[in-house]
Structures are given as C-alpha cells and as structure tokens.
C-alpha cells in the first residue's frame, strides 16, 4: 500500500504544470496579467506582497513564500526575510558592514540583502 501511495505522489508531482510565465493581480475590479520577467522585486507586507515592476506597484494577497513558489526559483531569489528580487534585474552588488550587501537594480532601485541570504545571492549571480 505504501508503494502504491508513493507511486501516486510521484505521478502527481510529474504531472504538475510548469512555472507560469504570467501571474494575475487585482487592479480595481479587474485582473491584470503580469509577465514574470516584468517583475523587478517583491516585498512582503503582512499577508500581502507588493509586486514592483518598471514604474508600477501591485498588491496581492499572498505570502512571499507562496508567491515565490509560484514564480519559481529559476528567476527569483529571496534576499531578506521580507524581500525577493528578479535575478535578471540585478546590476551591481556592493558589500556593506556586518556582511549585508547592497543590491542595485537596473532601474536604479537599491535594496539591502541580509547576510543570511548572502551565500545564495553570490551563488545565483555567478551562474
């Protein structure tokens, strides 16, 4: 019975859809579809996330962890307990005191990465 259950779990995992290229976010009484590539960075705000794109900010009822699971780790990287960044948007890294890192994005935004996420940040940006 255990082996059959394990086979069912494997089949379900194998049949999971790929990471979506777009996500929907509410804008007034409508839903806007955002391309994953258009998202520059994301910030947690209680039970919501603020999704930043070039020139716009959207609120979505979700946790940061749940949204990152939907968007995929191939493109986004958590840099702080309450922030994540689109890896393709990183332009420069600058070491700060106590092991933190300042991240400059292509649009001029500057974010601070905590030392807890330093190793993953360097691993992803050196690829």
N, C-alpha and C. Protein backbone atom coordinates (compact mmCIF):
# COMPACT_ATOMS: atom_id res chain seq x y z
N UNK A 1 0.83 -1.20 0.00
CA UNK A 1 0.00 0.00 0.00
C UNK A 1 0.86 1.25 0.00
N UNK A 2 1.94 1.20 0.76
CA UNK A 2 2.84 2.35 0.80
C UNK A 2 3.45 2.61 -0.58
N UNK A 3 3.88 1.56 -1.24
CA UNK A 3 4.50 1.71 -2.56
C UNK A 3 3.50 2.29 -3.57
N UNK A 4 2.24 1.86 -3.50
CA UNK A 4 1.22 2.40 -4.41
C UNK A 4 0.98 3.89 -4.10
N UNK A 5 0.93 4.21 -2.83
CA UNK A 5 0.75 5.61 -2.45
C UNK A 5 1.91 6.47 -2.94
N UNK A 6 3.11 5.97 -2.78
CA UNK A 6 4.28 6.68 -3.24
C UNK A 6 4.26 6.85 -4.75
N UNK A 7 3.83 5.85 -5.49
CA UNK A 7 3.71 5.96 -6.94
C UNK A 7 2.70 7.04 -7.33
N UNK A 8 1.58 7.11 -6.61
CA UNK A 8 0.56 8.14 -6.90
C UNK A 8 1.14 9.54 -6.68
N UNK A 9 1.89 9.72 -5.60
CA UNK A 9 2.50 11.02 -5.31
C UNK A 9 3.49 11.38 -6.41
N UNK A 10 4.30 10.43 -6.83
CA UNK A 10 5.26 10.69 -7.91
C UNK A 10 4.56 11.08 -9.20
N UNK A 11 3.46 10.41 -9.53
CA UNK A 11 2.71 10.73 -10.74
C UNK A 11 2.12 12.14 -10.66
N UNK A 12 1.61 12.51 -9.50
CA UNK A 12 1.05 13.86 -9.34
C UNK A 12 2.13 14.92 -9.47
N UNK A 13 3.29 14.66 -8.88
CA UNK A 13 4.39 15.62 -8.98
C UNK A 13 4.90 15.73 -10.40
N UNK A 14 4.96 14.62 -11.11
CA UNK A 14 5.43 14.64 -12.50
C UNK A 14 4.43 15.37 -13.41
N UNK A 15 3.16 15.33 -13.06
CA UNK A 15 2.13 15.96 -13.86
C UNK A 15 1.88 17.42 -13.54
N UNK A 16 2.65 17.96 -12.59
CA UNK A 16 2.48 19.38 -12.23
C UNK A 16 2.81 20.26 -13.42
N UNK A 17 2.03 21.33 -13.58
CA UNK A 17 2.35 22.26 -14.68
C UNK A 17 3.65 22.99 -14.40
N UNK A 18 4.26 23.47 -15.45
CA UNK A 18 5.49 24.25 -15.33
C UNK A 18 5.18 25.59 -14.68
N UNK A 19 6.21 26.29 -14.26
CA UNK A 19 6.05 27.60 -13.65
C UNK A 19 5.36 28.52 -14.66
N UNK A 20 4.29 29.20 -14.23
CA UNK A 20 3.58 30.07 -15.18
C UNK A 20 4.45 31.25 -15.60
N UNK A 21 4.28 31.68 -16.83
CA UNK A 21 5.02 32.84 -17.32
C UNK A 21 4.36 34.14 -16.89
N UNK A 22 3.07 34.06 -16.50
CA UNK A 22 2.36 35.25 -16.05
C UNK A 22 1.57 34.94 -14.79
N UNK A 23 1.37 35.95 -13.97
CA UNK A 23 0.51 35.82 -12.81
C UNK A 23 -0.55 36.90 -12.88
N UNK A 24 -1.69 36.66 -12.27
CA UNK A 24 -2.75 37.66 -12.27
C UNK A 24 -2.77 38.39 -10.93
N UNK A 25 -2.93 39.71 -11.01
CA UNK A 25 -3.01 40.55 -9.82
C UNK A 25 -4.24 41.45 -9.96
N UNK A 26 -4.93 41.69 -8.84
CA UNK A 26 -6.12 42.54 -8.92
C UNK A 26 -5.75 44.02 -9.10
N UNK A 27 -6.46 44.67 -9.98
CA UNK A 27 -6.34 46.12 -10.19
C UNK A 27 -7.77 46.65 -10.26
N UNK A 28 -8.22 47.23 -9.15
CA UNK A 28 -9.62 47.66 -9.08
C UNK A 28 -10.53 46.45 -9.15
N UNK A 29 -11.48 46.48 -10.09
CA UNK A 29 -12.39 45.35 -10.24
C UNK A 29 -11.97 44.43 -11.38
N UNK A 30 -10.73 44.56 -11.84
CA UNK A 30 -10.21 43.74 -12.92
C UNK A 30 -8.99 42.96 -12.45
N UNK A 31 -8.55 42.05 -13.28
CA UNK A 31 -7.33 41.29 -13.02
C UNK A 31 -6.34 41.62 -14.13
N UNK A 32 -5.13 41.97 -13.75
CA UNK A 32 -4.08 42.26 -14.72
C UNK A 32 -3.12 41.09 -14.75
N UNK A 33 -2.69 40.71 -15.93
CA UNK A 33 -1.72 39.64 -16.08
C UNK A 33 -0.33 40.24 -16.19
N UNK A 34 0.55 39.85 -15.27
CA UNK A 34 1.93 40.34 -15.26
C UNK A 34 2.88 39.25 -15.73
N UNK A 35 3.76 39.59 -16.64
CA UNK A 35 4.81 38.66 -17.04
C UNK A 35 5.81 38.52 -15.90
N UNK A 36 6.28 37.33 -15.66
CA UNK A 36 7.29 37.12 -14.61
C UNK A 36 8.51 38.00 -14.86
N UNK A 37 8.90 38.14 -16.11
CA UNK A 37 10.09 38.91 -16.46
C UNK A 37 9.92 40.40 -16.14
N UNK A 38 8.69 40.90 -16.07
CA UNK A 38 8.44 42.32 -15.80
C UNK A 38 8.56 42.66 -14.32
N UNK A 39 8.55 41.67 -13.46
CA UNK A 39 8.64 41.90 -12.02
C UNK A 39 10.10 42.16 -11.66
N UNK A 40 10.36 43.30 -11.01
CA UNK A 40 11.74 43.63 -10.63
C UNK A 40 12.06 43.14 -9.23
N UNK A 41 11.15 43.40 -8.29
CA UNK A 41 11.35 42.91 -6.92
C UNK A 41 10.02 42.81 -6.22
N UNK A 42 10.02 42.10 -5.09
CA UNK A 42 8.79 41.82 -4.33
C UNK A 42 9.08 42.06 -2.85
N UNK A 43 8.13 42.68 -2.17
CA UNK A 43 8.27 42.92 -0.73
C UNK A 43 7.06 42.36 0.02
N UNK A 44 7.31 41.70 1.13
CA UNK A 44 6.23 41.19 1.99
C UNK A 44 5.64 42.35 2.78
N UNK A 45 4.33 42.34 2.95
CA UNK A 45 3.62 43.37 3.70
C UNK A 45 2.47 42.69 4.43
N UNK A 46 2.76 42.12 5.61
CA UNK A 46 1.81 41.31 6.38
C UNK A 46 1.34 40.13 5.53
N UNK A 47 0.04 40.02 5.28
CA UNK A 47 -0.48 38.90 4.47
C UNK A 47 -0.58 39.26 2.99
N UNK A 48 0.10 40.29 2.60
CA UNK A 48 0.12 40.74 1.21
C UNK A 48 1.56 40.81 0.74
N UNK A 49 1.71 40.91 -0.56
CA UNK A 49 3.01 41.20 -1.14
C UNK A 49 2.84 42.41 -2.05
N UNK A 50 3.88 43.24 -2.09
CA UNK A 50 3.92 44.37 -3.03
C UNK A 50 4.82 43.94 -4.17
N UNK A 51 4.26 43.87 -5.34
CA UNK A 51 5.00 43.44 -6.53
C UNK A 51 5.40 44.70 -7.30
N UNK A 52 6.70 44.87 -7.49
CA UNK A 52 7.22 46.04 -8.18
C UNK A 52 7.61 45.66 -9.60
N UNK A 53 7.14 46.47 -10.54
CA UNK A 53 7.54 46.34 -11.94
C UNK A 53 8.13 47.69 -12.33
N UNK A 54 8.50 47.85 -13.57
CA UNK A 54 9.06 49.13 -14.02
C UNK A 54 7.95 50.19 -13.98
N UNK A 55 7.96 51.01 -12.93
CA UNK A 55 7.02 52.11 -12.84
C UNK A 55 5.69 51.81 -12.17
N UNK A 56 5.44 50.59 -11.75
CA UNK A 56 4.16 50.25 -11.13
C UNK A 56 4.38 49.38 -9.90
N UNK A 57 3.38 49.42 -9.02
CA UNK A 57 3.40 48.58 -7.83
C UNK A 57 2.01 47.96 -7.68
N UNK A 58 1.97 46.67 -7.41
CA UNK A 58 0.71 45.94 -7.29
C UNK A 58 0.67 45.24 -5.94
N UNK A 59 -0.53 45.14 -5.36
CA UNK A 59 -0.72 44.42 -4.11
C UNK A 59 -1.44 43.11 -4.41
N UNK A 60 -0.98 42.07 -3.79
CA UNK A 60 -1.58 40.75 -3.98
C UNK A 60 -1.69 40.08 -2.62
N UNK A 61 -2.82 39.48 -2.34
CA UNK A 61 -2.98 38.77 -1.07
C UNK A 61 -2.30 37.42 -1.19
N UNK A 62 -1.12 37.35 -0.63
CA UNK A 62 -0.31 36.15 -0.65
C UNK A 62 0.86 36.36 0.29
N UNK A 63 1.47 35.27 0.70
CA UNK A 63 2.72 35.41 1.43
C UNK A 63 3.86 35.43 0.43
N UNK A 64 4.98 35.94 0.85
CA UNK A 64 6.14 35.98 -0.03
C UNK A 64 6.57 34.57 -0.41
N UNK A 65 6.57 33.68 0.55
CA UNK A 65 6.97 32.29 0.30
C UNK A 65 6.06 31.62 -0.73
N UNK A 66 4.76 31.83 -0.61
CA UNK A 66 3.82 31.21 -1.55
C UNK A 66 3.99 31.79 -2.95
N UNK A 67 4.18 33.10 -3.05
CA UNK A 67 4.35 33.72 -4.36
C UNK A 67 5.65 33.26 -5.02
N UNK A 68 6.73 33.16 -4.25
CA UNK A 68 8.00 32.69 -4.81
C UNK A 68 7.89 31.24 -5.28
N UNK A 69 7.11 30.44 -4.59
CA UNK A 69 6.91 29.06 -5.03
C UNK A 69 6.18 29.04 -6.38
N UNK A 70 5.23 29.96 -6.57
CA UNK A 70 4.51 30.04 -7.84
C UNK A 70 5.38 30.58 -8.96
N UNK A 71 6.20 31.58 -8.66
CA UNK A 71 7.02 32.22 -9.69
C UNK A 71 8.24 31.39 -10.08
N UNK A 72 8.76 30.62 -9.16
CA UNK A 72 9.89 29.75 -9.46
C UNK A 72 11.22 30.32 -9.01
N UNK A 73 12.07 29.44 -8.56
CA UNK A 73 13.39 29.83 -8.06
C UNK A 73 14.40 30.01 -9.19
N UNK A 74 14.01 29.72 -10.41
CA UNK A 74 14.92 29.91 -11.53
C UNK A 74 15.12 31.39 -11.84
N UNK A 75 14.15 32.23 -11.49
CA UNK A 75 14.21 33.65 -11.82
C UNK A 75 14.29 34.55 -10.59
N UNK A 76 13.72 34.13 -9.47
CA UNK A 76 13.62 34.99 -8.29
C UNK A 76 14.43 34.42 -7.14
N UNK A 77 14.98 35.33 -6.34
CA UNK A 77 15.82 34.94 -5.23
C UNK A 77 15.45 35.76 -4.01
N UNK A 78 15.26 35.09 -2.91
CA UNK A 78 14.98 35.77 -1.65
C UNK A 78 16.28 36.38 -1.14
N UNK A 79 16.23 37.68 -0.80
CA UNK A 79 17.44 38.38 -0.34
C UNK A 79 17.31 38.86 1.10
N UNK A 80 16.12 38.73 1.65
CA UNK A 80 15.82 39.20 3.00
C UNK A 80 14.57 38.46 3.43
N UNK A 81 14.28 38.44 4.71
CA UNK A 81 13.08 37.72 5.15
C UNK A 81 11.81 38.32 4.56
N UNK A 82 11.87 39.57 4.13
CA UNK A 82 10.68 40.22 3.58
C UNK A 82 10.86 40.73 2.15
N UNK A 83 11.92 40.31 1.45
CA UNK A 83 12.15 40.79 0.09
C UNK A 83 12.73 39.70 -0.81
N UNK A 84 12.36 39.80 -2.08
CA UNK A 84 12.94 38.94 -3.10
C UNK A 84 13.18 39.78 -4.34
N UNK A 85 14.09 39.33 -5.18
CA UNK A 85 14.47 40.12 -6.35
C UNK A 85 14.52 39.22 -7.59
N UNK A 86 14.22 39.84 -8.73
CA UNK A 86 14.37 39.16 -10.01
C UNK A 86 15.86 39.15 -10.33
N UNK A 87 16.45 37.99 -10.44
CA UNK A 87 17.89 37.87 -10.64
C UNK A 87 18.36 38.61 -11.89
N UNK A 88 17.55 38.61 -12.94
CA UNK A 88 17.92 39.26 -14.19
C UNK A 88 17.97 40.78 -14.05
N UNK A 89 17.37 41.33 -13.01
CA UNK A 89 17.34 42.78 -12.81
C UNK A 89 18.53 43.31 -12.01
N UNK A 90 19.35 42.41 -11.46
CA UNK A 90 20.48 42.84 -10.64
C UNK A 90 21.58 43.41 -11.54
N UNK A 91 22.02 44.62 -11.21
CA UNK A 91 23.09 45.26 -11.98
C UNK A 91 24.41 45.27 -11.21
N UNK A 92 24.34 45.44 -9.87
CA UNK A 92 25.56 45.58 -9.10
C UNK A 92 25.34 45.09 -7.67
N UNK A 93 26.40 44.52 -7.10
CA UNK A 93 26.41 44.13 -5.69
C UNK A 93 27.52 44.89 -4.99
N UNK A 94 27.22 45.39 -3.78
CA UNK A 94 28.24 46.12 -3.03
C UNK A 94 28.21 45.64 -1.58
N UNK A 95 29.32 45.11 -1.08
CA UNK A 95 29.37 44.67 0.32
C UNK A 95 29.20 45.85 1.28
N UNK A 96 28.45 45.59 2.35
CA UNK A 96 28.25 46.58 3.40
C UNK A 96 28.81 46.03 4.71
N UNK A 97 28.70 46.82 5.74
CA UNK A 97 29.17 46.38 7.06
C UNK A 97 28.37 45.18 7.55
N UNK A 98 28.99 44.38 8.38
CA UNK A 98 28.38 43.24 9.05
C UNK A 98 27.86 42.18 8.10
N UNK A 99 28.38 42.12 6.89
CA UNK A 99 28.03 41.06 5.96
C UNK A 99 26.82 41.31 5.08
N UNK A 100 26.11 42.41 5.27
CA UNK A 100 24.99 42.72 4.39
C UNK A 100 25.52 43.14 3.02
N UNK A 101 24.63 43.15 2.04
CA UNK A 101 25.01 43.52 0.68
C UNK A 101 23.97 44.48 0.12
N UNK A 102 24.45 45.53 -0.54
CA UNK A 102 23.54 46.42 -1.24
C UNK A 102 23.42 45.93 -2.68
N UNK A 103 22.18 45.83 -3.13
CA UNK A 103 21.91 45.39 -4.50
C UNK A 103 21.36 46.58 -5.27
N UNK A 104 21.97 46.89 -6.39
CA UNK A 104 21.47 47.93 -7.29
C UNK A 104 20.79 47.24 -8.46
N UNK A 105 19.54 47.61 -8.71
CA UNK A 105 18.81 47.05 -9.84
C UNK A 105 18.98 47.94 -11.07
N UNK A 106 18.64 47.43 -12.21
CA UNK A 106 18.80 48.16 -13.47
C UNK A 106 18.01 49.46 -13.50
N UNK A 107 16.88 49.50 -12.77
CA UNK A 107 16.05 50.72 -12.77
C UNK A 107 16.50 51.73 -11.72
N UNK A 108 17.61 51.45 -11.01
CA UNK A 108 18.13 52.38 -10.02
C UNK A 108 17.71 52.07 -8.59
N UNK A 109 16.80 51.16 -8.41
CA UNK A 109 16.37 50.77 -7.07
C UNK A 109 17.53 50.13 -6.31
N UNK A 110 17.65 50.47 -5.04
CA UNK A 110 18.69 49.87 -4.20
C UNK A 110 18.01 49.12 -3.07
N UNK A 111 18.42 47.88 -2.90
CA UNK A 111 17.86 47.01 -1.87
C UNK A 111 18.98 46.45 -1.02
N UNK A 112 18.67 46.13 0.21
CA UNK A 112 19.66 45.54 1.10
C UNK A 112 19.37 44.05 1.25
N UNK A 113 20.39 43.25 1.01
CA UNK A 113 20.30 41.80 1.22
C UNK A 113 20.94 41.48 2.56
N UNK A 114 20.26 40.71 3.36
CA UNK A 114 20.82 40.38 4.67
C UNK A 114 21.89 39.29 4.52
N UNK A 115 22.77 39.22 5.48
CA UNK A 115 23.88 38.26 5.41
C UNK A 115 23.39 36.82 5.40
N UNK A 116 22.21 36.59 5.92
CA UNK A 116 21.63 35.24 5.92
C UNK A 116 21.47 34.69 4.50
N UNK A 117 21.20 35.57 3.54
CA UNK A 117 20.96 35.16 2.16
C UNK A 117 22.17 35.43 1.25
N UNK A 118 23.28 35.83 1.82
CA UNK A 118 24.48 36.20 1.07
C UNK A 118 25.01 35.07 0.20
N UNK A 119 25.13 33.89 0.78
CA UNK A 119 25.69 32.75 0.05
C UNK A 119 24.85 32.40 -1.19
N UNK A 120 23.54 32.36 -1.02
CA UNK A 120 22.64 32.05 -2.15
C UNK A 120 22.70 33.15 -3.20
N UNK A 121 22.81 34.39 -2.76
CA UNK A 121 22.90 35.52 -3.69
C UNK A 121 24.14 35.41 -4.57
N UNK A 122 25.28 35.16 -3.96
CA UNK A 122 26.52 35.03 -4.75
C UNK A 122 26.48 33.79 -5.65
N UNK A 123 25.89 32.72 -5.17
CA UNK A 123 25.80 31.51 -5.98
C UNK A 123 24.94 31.74 -7.23
N UNK A 124 23.82 32.43 -7.07
CA UNK A 124 22.91 32.67 -8.20
C UNK A 124 23.45 33.70 -9.19
N UNK A 125 24.18 34.70 -8.69
CA UNK A 125 24.65 35.75 -9.60
C UNK A 125 25.93 35.37 -10.32
N UNK A 126 26.58 34.32 -9.90
CA UNK A 126 27.81 33.88 -10.58
C UNK A 126 27.55 32.87 -11.68
N UNK A 127 26.32 32.47 -11.85
CA UNK A 127 25.99 31.46 -12.87
C UNK A 127 26.06 32.03 -14.26
